[in-house]
Amino acid sequence: MTVNNISQLENYLGIQFNDPSLLISSLTHSSYTSETPNVSMNNERLEFLGDAVLDAAISHLIFNKYPDFTEGQLTIMRSKIVNGSALSQSAKRFGLGDYLLLGKGEDKNGGRTKTSILSSALEALLGAVFIDKGFNVTCDVISNILEYDIDNVVSQTMKDPKTELQEIVQSQTGEVPEYNVVSKTGEGHSTFFISEVIVNGEKYARGEGASKLVSEMEAATQALFKIRDTII
């Protein structure tokens, strides 16, 4: 890792590290330390920290930027933004793989473009920024790096969950989700519904709400959570 490499990456991030060793550690894969006896620090601990910081920062950013979104919409947005595949694509856009310190074997095996290595390195990089600059600056860096991803996810999240679920299920099975009211209690303003969504013949998720539609929307949201979990 040369001074020029460090400067290029810092310029992209819009910051200058007080402790450049943090930046270097965030880019050091375990395969490199295994082959380099005098280097003991890899990016795994920073990745652990960066993962938590990223979750908090994205939650903070989208909570403030989209005050009309529900808790369910915000949760889906966050899961789409921070999953490994999305982070890997973000890392590729600014060439993070070119800065990584990899072992010779990992390098030859295409480690610079591997989803797991790139997403982990990006999280480690954000962990390093957090230690060096604090939460507010890290939020700014994340906003800049992930701006495209956030905007793209917003356009998808603007769809109501029933529509999004139907599009996913139809594309995978050719069928459409079905909704059943499991129970209805109360009258008038005190009415309370529980609905379930059936996906491919399976009772997939339940939702609750003050109307049939609201309970169905919540059931669809919960189904989307399950689908996202299987993808991530």
C-alpha atoms as a PDB file:
ATOM      1  CA  MET A   1       0.000   0.000   0.000  1.00  0.00           C
ATOM      2  CA  THR A   2       1.648   3.204  -1.184  1.00  0.00           C
ATOM      3  CA  VAL A   3       1.126   6.788  -0.075  1.00  0.00           C
ATOM      4  CA  ASN A   4      -0.480   7.507  -3.459  1.00  0.00           C
ATOM      5  CA  ASN A   5      -2.929   4.641  -2.991  1.00  0.00           C
ATOM      6  CA  ILE A   6      -3.898   5.945   0.440  1.00  0.00           C
ATOM      7  CA  SER A   7      -4.339   9.496  -0.874  1.00  0.00           C
ATOM      8  CA  GLN A   8      -6.515   8.333  -3.778  1.00  0.00           C
ATOM      9  CA  LEU A   9      -8.852   6.460  -1.483  1.00  0.00           C
ATOM     10  CA  GLU A  10      -8.964   9.288   1.045  1.00  0.00           C
ATOM     11  CA  ASN A  11      -9.826  11.716  -1.751  1.00  0.00           C
ATOM     12  CA  TYR A  12     -12.719   9.539  -2.812  1.00  0.00           C
ATOM     13  CA  LEU A  13     -13.970   9.269   0.773  1.00  0.00           C
ATOM     14  CA  GLY A  14     -13.540  13.012   1.263  1.00  0.00           C
ATOM     15  CA  ILE A  15     -11.497  12.634   4.450  1.00  0.00           C
ATOM     16  CA  GLN A  16      -7.900  12.362   5.604  1.00  0.00           C
ATOM     17  CA  PHE A  17      -7.161   9.781   8.284  1.00  0.00           C
ATOM     18  CA  ASN A  18      -5.475  10.971  11.459  1.00  0.00           C
ATOM     19  CA  ASP A  19      -4.191   7.400  11.822  1.00  0.00           C
ATOM     20  CA  PRO A  20      -3.472   5.945   8.347  1.00  0.00           C
ATOM     21  CA  SER A  21      -2.723   2.566   9.903  1.00  0.00           C
ATOM     22  CA  LEU A  22      -6.454   2.173  10.521  1.00  0.00           C
ATOM     23  CA  LEU A  23      -7.116   2.573   6.812  1.00  0.00           C
ATOM     24  CA  ILE A  24      -4.425   0.044   5.938  1.00  0.00           C
ATOM     25  CA  SER A  25      -5.748  -2.456   8.493  1.00  0.00           C
ATOM     26  CA  SER A  26      -9.266  -2.120   7.057  1.00  0.00           C
ATOM     27  CA  LEU A  27      -7.930  -3.162   3.642  1.00  0.00           C
ATOM     28  CA  THR A  28      -5.845  -6.098   4.894  1.00  0.00           C
ATOM     29  CA  HIS A  29      -7.446  -9.476   4.275  1.00  0.00           C
ATOM     30  CA  SER A  30      -6.640 -12.438   6.521  1.00  0.00           C
ATOM     31  CA  SER A  31      -5.003 -14.225   3.578  1.00  0.00           C
ATOM     32  CA  TYR A  32      -2.381 -11.475   3.457  1.00  0.00           C
ATOM     33  CA  THR A  33      -1.498 -11.717   7.138  1.00  0.00           C
ATOM     34  CA  SER A  34      -1.249 -15.510   6.805  1.00  0.00           C
ATOM     35  CA  GLU A  35       1.465 -15.079   4.178  1.00  0.00           C
ATOM     36  CA  THR A  36       3.206 -12.064   5.719  1.00  0.00           C
ATOM     37  CA  PRO A  37       4.818 -12.904   9.092  1.00  0.00           C
ATOM     38  CA  ASN A  38       5.517  -9.284  10.094  1.00  0.00           C
ATOM     39  CA  VAL A  39       1.855  -8.235   9.600  1.00  0.00           C
ATOM     40  CA  SER A  40      -0.525  -9.447  12.286  1.00  0.00           C
ATOM     41  CA  MET A  41      -3.547  -7.135  12.003  1.00  0.00           C
ATOM     42  CA  ASN A  42      -6.231  -7.974   9.436  1.00  0.00           C
ATOM     43  CA  ASN A  43      -9.605  -6.320   8.887  1.00  0.00           C
ATOM     44  CA  GLU A  44     -11.867  -8.795  10.692  1.00  0.00           C
ATOM     45  CA  ARG A  45     -12.276  -6.815  13.930  1.00  0.00           C
ATOM     46  CA  LEU A  46     -12.897  -3.599  11.997  1.00  0.00           C
ATOM     47  CA  GLU A  47     -15.467  -5.461   9.900  1.00  0.00           C
ATOM     48  CA  PHE A  48     -17.305  -6.436  13.088  1.00  0.00           C
ATOM     49  CA  LEU A  49     -17.427  -2.801  14.180  1.00  0.00           C
ATOM     50  CA  GLY A  50     -18.238  -1.467  10.728  1.00  0.00           C
ATOM     51  CA  ASP A  51     -21.198  -3.805  10.374  1.00  0.00           C
ATOM     52  CA  ALA A  52     -22.804  -2.341  13.499  1.00  0.00           C
ATOM     53  CA  VAL A  53     -21.923   1.234  12.541  1.00  0.00           C
ATOM     54  CA  LEU A  54     -23.365   0.764   9.058  1.00  0.00           C
ATOM     55  CA  ASP A  55     -26.665  -0.513  10.440  1.00  0.00           C
ATOM     56  CA  ALA A  56     -26.905   2.429  12.838  1.00  0.00           C
ATOM     57  CA  ALA A  57     -25.878   4.996  10.218  1.00  0.00           C
ATOM     58  CA  ILE A  58     -28.292   3.744   7.549  1.00  0.00           C
ATOM     59  CA  SER A  59     -31.094   3.616  10.131  1.00  0.00           C
ATOM     60  CA  HIS A  60     -30.291   7.207  11.124  1.00  0.00           C
ATOM     61  CA  LEU A  61     -30.078   8.428   7.518  1.00  0.00           C
ATOM     62  CA  ILE A  62     -33.290   6.903   6.203  1.00  0.00           C
ATOM     63  CA  PHE A  63     -35.231   7.657   9.401  1.00  0.00           C
ATOM     64  CA  ASN A  64     -34.489  11.363   8.982  1.00  0.00           C
ATOM     65  CA  LYS A  65     -34.737  11.491   5.194  1.00  0.00           C
ATOM     66  CA  TYR A  66     -38.038   9.636   4.839  1.00  0.00           C
ATOM     67  CA  PRO A  67     -40.340  10.700   7.707  1.00  0.00           C
ATOM     68  CA  ASP A  68     -43.445   9.293   6.000  1.00  0.00           C
ATOM     69  CA  PHE A  69     -42.139   5.738   5.685  1.00  0.00           C
ATOM     70  CA  THR A  70     -43.447   3.136   8.111  1.00  0.00           C
ATOM     71  CA  GLU A  71     -41.272   1.033  10.381  1.00  0.00           C
ATOM     72  CA  GLY A  72     -41.786  -1.892   8.038  1.00  0.00           C
ATOM     73  CA  GLN A  73     -40.734   0.100   4.974  1.00  0.00           C
ATOM     74  CA  LEU A  74     -37.650   1.427   6.748  1.00  0.00           C
ATOM     75  CA  THR A  75     -36.650  -2.066   7.841  1.00  0.00           C
ATOM     76  CA  ILE A  76     -36.973  -3.427   4.311  1.00  0.00           C
ATOM     77  CA  MET A  77     -34.996  -0.472   2.958  1.00  0.00           C
ATOM     78  CA  ARG A  78     -32.167  -1.012   5.420  1.00  0.00           C
ATOM     79  CA  SER A  79     -31.976  -4.753   4.719  1.00  0.00           C
ATOM     80  CA  LYS A  80     -31.712  -4.096   0.973  1.00  0.00           C
ATOM     81  CA  ILE A  81     -29.008  -1.454   1.394  1.00  0.00           C
ATOM     82  CA  VAL A  82     -26.727  -3.327   3.809  1.00  0.00           C
ATOM     83  CA  ASN A  83     -26.889  -6.879   2.445  1.00  0.00           C
ATOM     84  CA  GLY A  84     -23.615  -8.336   1.213  1.00  0.00           C
ATOM     85  CA  SER A  85     -24.471  -8.301  -2.477  1.00  0.00           C
ATOM     86  CA  ALA A  86     -25.476  -4.623  -2.446  1.00  0.00           C
ATOM     87  CA  LEU A  87     -22.375  -3.614  -0.471  1.00  0.00           C
ATOM     88  CA  SER A  88     -20.184  -5.533  -2.897  1.00  0.00           C
ATOM     89  CA  GLN A  89     -21.656  -3.645  -5.845  1.00  0.00           C
ATOM     90  CA  SER A  90     -21.085  -0.352  -4.044  1.00  0.00           C
ATOM     91  CA  ALA A  91     -17.460  -1.316  -3.398  1.00  0.00           C
ATOM     92  CA  LYS A  92     -16.947  -2.226  -7.045  1.00  0.00           C
ATOM     93  CA  ARG A  93     -18.207   1.173  -8.195  1.00  0.00           C
ATOM     94  CA  PHE A  94     -15.257   2.955  -6.611  1.00  0.00           C
ATOM     95  CA  GLY A  95     -12.727   0.185  -7.174  1.00  0.00           C
ATOM     96  CA  LEU A  96     -12.230  -0.860  -3.544  1.00  0.00           C
ATOM     97  CA  GLY A  97     -10.854  -4.209  -4.675  1.00  0.00           C
ATOM     98  CA  ASP A  98      -7.830  -2.483  -6.204  1.00  0.00           C
ATOM     99  CA  TYR A  99      -6.747  -1.240  -2.771  1.00  0.00           C
ATOM    100  CA  LEU A 100      -6.976  -4.555  -0.922  1.00  0.00           C
ATOM    101  CA  LEU A 101      -3.981  -6.376   0.523  1.00  0.00           C
ATOM    102  CA  LEU A 102      -4.571 -10.031  -0.353  1.00  0.00           C
ATOM    103  CA  GLY A 103      -2.511 -13.179  -0.149  1.00  0.00           C
ATOM    104  CA  LYS A 104      -1.068 -14.339  -3.465  1.00  0.00           C
ATOM    105  CA  GLY A 105      -3.388 -17.327  -3.638  1.00  0.00           C
ATOM    106  CA  GLU A 106      -6.510 -15.300  -2.892  1.00  0.00           C
ATOM    107  CA  ASP A 107      -5.448 -12.673  -5.401  1.00  0.00           C
ATOM    108  CA  LYS A 108      -5.004 -15.290  -8.149  1.00  0.00           C
ATOM    109  CA  ASN A 109      -8.421 -16.758  -7.307  1.00  0.00           C
ATOM    110  CA  GLY A 110     -10.182 -13.459  -8.015  1.00  0.00           C
ATOM    111  CA  GLY A 111     -10.428 -12.238  -4.441  1.00  0.00           C
ATOM    112  CA  ARG A 112     -10.574  -8.598  -5.533  1.00  0.00           C
ATOM    113  CA  THR A 113     -14.011  -9.145  -7.050  1.00  0.00           C
ATOM    114  CA  LYS A 114     -15.493 -11.640  -4.560  1.00  0.00           C
ATOM    115  CA  THR A 115     -18.746 -10.474  -2.987  1.00  0.00           C
ATOM    116  CA  SER A 116     -17.847 -11.624   0.536  1.00  0.00           C
ATOM    117  CA  ILE A 117     -14.384 -10.040   0.512  1.00  0.00           C
ATOM    118  CA  LEU A 118     -15.579  -6.716  -0.929  1.00  0.00           C
ATOM    119  CA  SER A 119     -18.567  -6.355   1.379  1.00  0.00           C
ATOM    120  CA  SER A 120     -16.436  -7.244   4.413  1.00  0.00           C
ATOM    121  CA  ALA A 121     -13.727  -4.799   3.363  1.00  0.00           C
ATOM    122  CA  LEU A 122     -16.265  -1.998   2.928  1.00  0.00           C
ATOM    123  CA  GLU A 123     -17.637  -2.644   6.404  1.00  0.00           C
ATOM    124  CA  ALA A 124     -14.091  -2.694   7.795  1.00  0.00           C
ATOM    125  CA  LEU A 125     -13.336   0.579   6.027  1.00  0.00           C
ATOM    126  CA  LEU A 126     -16.389   2.183   7.620  1.00  0.00           C
ATOM    127  CA  GLY A 127     -15.309   0.829  10.998  1.00  0.00           C
ATOM    128  CA  ALA A 128     -11.935   2.510  10.510  1.00  0.00           C
ATOM    129  CA  VAL A 129     -13.595   5.802   9.562  1.00  0.00           C
ATOM    130  CA  PHE A 130     -15.768   5.584  12.679  1.00  0.00           C
ATOM    131  CA  ILE A 131     -12.784   5.105  14.993  1.00  0.00           C
ATOM    132  CA  ASP A 132     -10.801   7.859  13.326  1.00  0.00           C
ATOM    133  CA  LYS A 133     -13.522  10.440  12.652  1.00  0.00           C
ATOM    134  CA  GLY A 134     -16.596   9.585  14.699  1.00  0.00           C
ATOM    135  CA  PHE A 135     -20.211   8.811  13.845  1.00  0.00           C
ATOM    136  CA  ASN A 136     -21.236  12.035  12.075  1.00  0.00           C
ATOM    137  CA  VAL A 137     -18.382  11.939   9.568  1.00  0.00           C
ATOM    138  CA  THR A 138     -19.000   8.225   9.036  1.00  0.00           C
ATOM    139  CA  CYS A 139     -22.632   9.005   8.210  1.00  0.00           C
ATOM    140  CA  ASP A 140     -21.457  11.539   5.625  1.00  0.00           C
ATOM    141  CA  VAL A 141     -19.080   9.010   4.067  1.00  0.00           C
ATOM    142  CA  ILE A 142     -21.783   6.344   3.979  1.00  0.00           C
ATOM    143  CA  SER A 143     -24.249   8.782   2.439  1.00  0.00           C
ATOM    144  CA  ASN A 144     -21.781   9.587  -0.338  1.00  0.00           C
ATOM    145  CA  ILE A 145     -20.739   5.998  -1.020  1.00  0.00           C
ATOM    146  CA  LEU A 146     -24.245   4.533  -0.908  1.00  0.00           C
ATOM    147  CA  GLU A 147     -26.229   7.449  -2.367  1.00  0.00           C
ATOM    148  CA  TYR A 148     -27.026   5.534  -5.561  1.00  0.00           C
ATOM    149  CA  ASP A 149     -28.096   2.443  -3.615  1.00  0.00           C
ATOM    150  CA  ILE A 150     -30.306   4.416  -1.236  1.00  0.00           C
ATOM    151  CA  ASP A 151     -32.065   6.216  -4.096  1.00  0.00           C
ATOM    152  CA  ASN A 152     -32.544   2.943  -5.969  1.00  0.00           C
ATOM    153  CA  VAL A 153     -33.994   1.222  -2.915  1.00  0.00           C
ATOM    154  CA  VAL A 154     -36.333   4.143  -2.230  1.00  0.00           C
ATOM    155  CA  SER A 155     -37.866   3.824  -5.678  1.00  0.00           C
ATOM    156  CA  GLN A 156     -38.573   0.146  -4.947  1.00  0.00           C
ATOM    157  CA  THR A 157     -39.857   0.789  -1.422  1.00  0.00           C
ATOM    158  CA  MET A 158     -42.385   3.334  -2.660  1.00  0.00           C
ATOM    159  CA  LYS A 159     -44.360   0.331  -3.926  1.00  0.00           C
ATOM    160  CA  ASP A 160     -46.801  -0.985  -1.362  1.00  0.00           C
ATOM    161  CA  PRO A 161     -45.691  -4.320   0.140  1.00  0.00           C
ATOM    162  CA  LYS A 162     -48.547  -6.301  -1.443  1.00  0.00           C
ATOM    163  CA  THR A 163     -47.495  -5.152  -4.913  1.00  0.00           C
ATOM    164  CA  GLU A 164     -43.824  -5.887  -4.259  1.00  0.00           C
ATOM    165  CA  LEU A 165     -44.582  -9.327  -2.833  1.00  0.00           C
ATOM    166  CA  GLN A 166     -46.816 -10.185  -5.789  1.00  0.00           C
ATOM    167  CA  GLU A 167     -44.084  -9.206  -8.265  1.00  0.00           C
ATOM    168  CA  ILE A 168     -41.503 -11.362  -6.489  1.00  0.00           C
ATOM    169  CA  VAL A 169     -43.791 -14.386  -6.103  1.00  0.00           C
ATOM    170  CA  GLN A 170     -45.021 -14.184  -9.687  1.00  0.00           C
ATOM    171  CA  SER A 171     -41.483 -13.989 -11.034  1.00  0.00           C
ATOM    172  CA  GLN A 172     -40.452 -17.068  -9.035  1.00  0.00           C
ATOM    173  CA  THR A 173     -43.545 -19.282  -9.165  1.00  0.00           C
ATOM    174  CA  GLY A 174     -45.937 -17.831 -11.736  1.00  0.00           C
ATOM    175  CA  GLU A 175     -48.609 -17.613  -9.024  1.00  0.00           C
ATOM    176  CA  VAL A 176     -49.970 -14.744  -6.949  1.00  0.00           C
ATOM    177  CA  PRO A 177     -50.139 -14.556  -3.139  1.00  0.00           C
ATOM    178  CA  GLU A 178     -53.518 -15.146  -1.501  1.00  0.00           C
ATOM    179  CA  TYR A 179     -54.793 -13.466   1.663  1.00  0.00           C
ATOM    180  CA  ASN A 180     -57.171 -14.862   4.282  1.00  0.00           C
ATOM    181  CA  VAL A 181     -58.685 -13.163   7.300  1.00  0.00           C
ATOM    182  CA  VAL A 182     -57.816 -15.372  10.269  1.00  0.00           C
ATOM    183  CA  SER A 183     -59.841 -13.420  12.813  1.00  0.00           C
ATOM    184  CA  LYS A 184     -61.835 -10.234  13.250  1.00  0.00           C
ATOM    185  CA  THR A 185     -62.652  -8.846  16.671  1.00  0.00           C
ATOM    186  CA  GLY A 186     -64.433  -5.742  17.903  1.00  0.00           C
ATOM    187  CA  GLU A 187     -66.736  -3.320  16.118  1.00  0.00           C
ATOM    188  CA  GLY A 188     -66.450   0.136  14.590  1.00  0.00           C
ATOM    189  CA  HIS A 189     -63.297   1.981  15.581  1.00  0.00           C
ATOM    190  CA  SER A 190     -62.255  -0.948  17.763  1.00  0.00           C
ATOM    191  CA  THR A 191     -62.215  -3.505  14.939  1.00  0.00           C
ATOM    192  CA  PHE A 192     -59.034  -5.585  14.788  1.00  0.00           C
ATOM    193  CA  PHE A 193     -58.031  -7.947  11.989  1.00  0.00           C
ATOM    194  CA  ILE A 194     -55.464 -10.726  11.707  1.00  0.00           C
ATOM    195  CA  SER A 195     -54.707 -11.839   8.158  1.00  0.00           C
ATOM    196  CA  GLU A 196     -52.356 -14.394   6.690  1.00  0.00           C
ATOM    197  CA  VAL A 197     -50.701 -14.532   3.290  1.00  0.00           C
ATOM    198  CA  ILE A 198     -50.482 -17.806   1.387  1.00  0.00           C
ATOM    199  CA  VAL A 199     -47.438 -18.179  -0.872  1.00  0.00           C
ATOM    200  CA  ASN A 200     -47.193 -21.224  -3.119  1.00  0.00           C
ATOM    201  CA  GLY A 201     -49.747 -23.052  -0.997  1.00  0.00           C
ATOM    202  CA  GLU A 202     -47.902 -22.308   2.269  1.00  0.00           C
ATOM    203  CA  LYS A 203     -49.128 -20.150   5.139  1.00  0.00           C
ATOM    204  CA  TYR A 204     -46.197 -17.789   4.884  1.00  0.00           C
ATOM    205  CA  ALA A 205     -46.773 -14.861   7.265  1.00  0.00           C
ATOM    206  CA  ARG A 206     -49.357 -13.050   9.358  1.00  0.00           C
ATOM    207  CA  GLY A 207     -50.198  -9.412   9.906  1.00  0.00           C
ATOM    208  CA  GLU A 208     -52.425  -7.406  12.218  1.00  0.00           C
ATOM    209  CA  GLY A 209     -54.233  -4.120  11.840  1.00  0.00           C
ATOM    210  CA  ALA A 210     -57.326  -1.993  12.310  1.00  0.00           C
ATOM    211  CA  SER A 211     -58.625  -2.900   8.857  1.00  0.00           C
ATOM    212  CA  LYS A 212     -58.500  -5.878   6.510  1.00  0.00           C
ATOM    213  CA  LEU A 213     -56.205  -3.975   4.133  1.00  0.00           C
ATOM    214  CA  VAL A 214     -53.804  -2.890   6.873  1.00  0.00           C
ATOM    215  CA  SER A 215     -53.526  -6.443   8.205  1.00  0.00           C
ATOM    216  CA  GLU A 216     -52.873  -7.741   4.676  1.00  0.00           C
ATOM    217  CA  MET A 217     -50.221  -5.081   4.083  1.00  0.00           C
ATOM    218  CA  GLU A 218     -48.507  -6.073   7.331  1.00  0.00           C
ATOM    219  CA  ALA A 219     -48.682  -9.754   6.370  1.00  0.00           C
ATOM    220  CA  ALA A 220     -47.063  -8.899   3.029  1.00  0.00           C
ATOM    221  CA  THR A 221     -44.370  -6.893   4.827  1.00  0.00           C
ATOM    222  CA  GLN A 222     -43.592  -9.826   7.123  1.00  0.00           C
ATOM    223  CA  ALA A 223     -43.431 -12.142   4.095  1.00  0.00           C
ATOM    224  CA  LEU A 224     -40.947  -9.793   2.441  1.00  0.00           C
ATOM    225  CA  PHE A 225     -38.795  -9.902   5.585  1.00  0.00           C
ATOM    226  CA  LYS A 226     -38.674 -13.707   5.323  1.00  0.00           C
ATOM    227  CA  ILE A 227     -37.797 -13.553   1.644  1.00  0.00           C
ATOM    228  CA  ARG A 228     -35.042 -10.981   2.264  1.00  0.00           C
ATOM    229  CA  ASP A 229     -33.584 -13.167   5.009  1.00  0.00           C
ATOM    230  CA  THR A 230     -33.319 -16.139   2.667  1.00  0.00           C
ATOM    231  CA  ILE A 231     -31.618 -13.981   0.010  1.00  0.00           C
ATOM    232  CA  ILE A 232     -29.172 -12.313   2.426  1.00  0.00           C
END
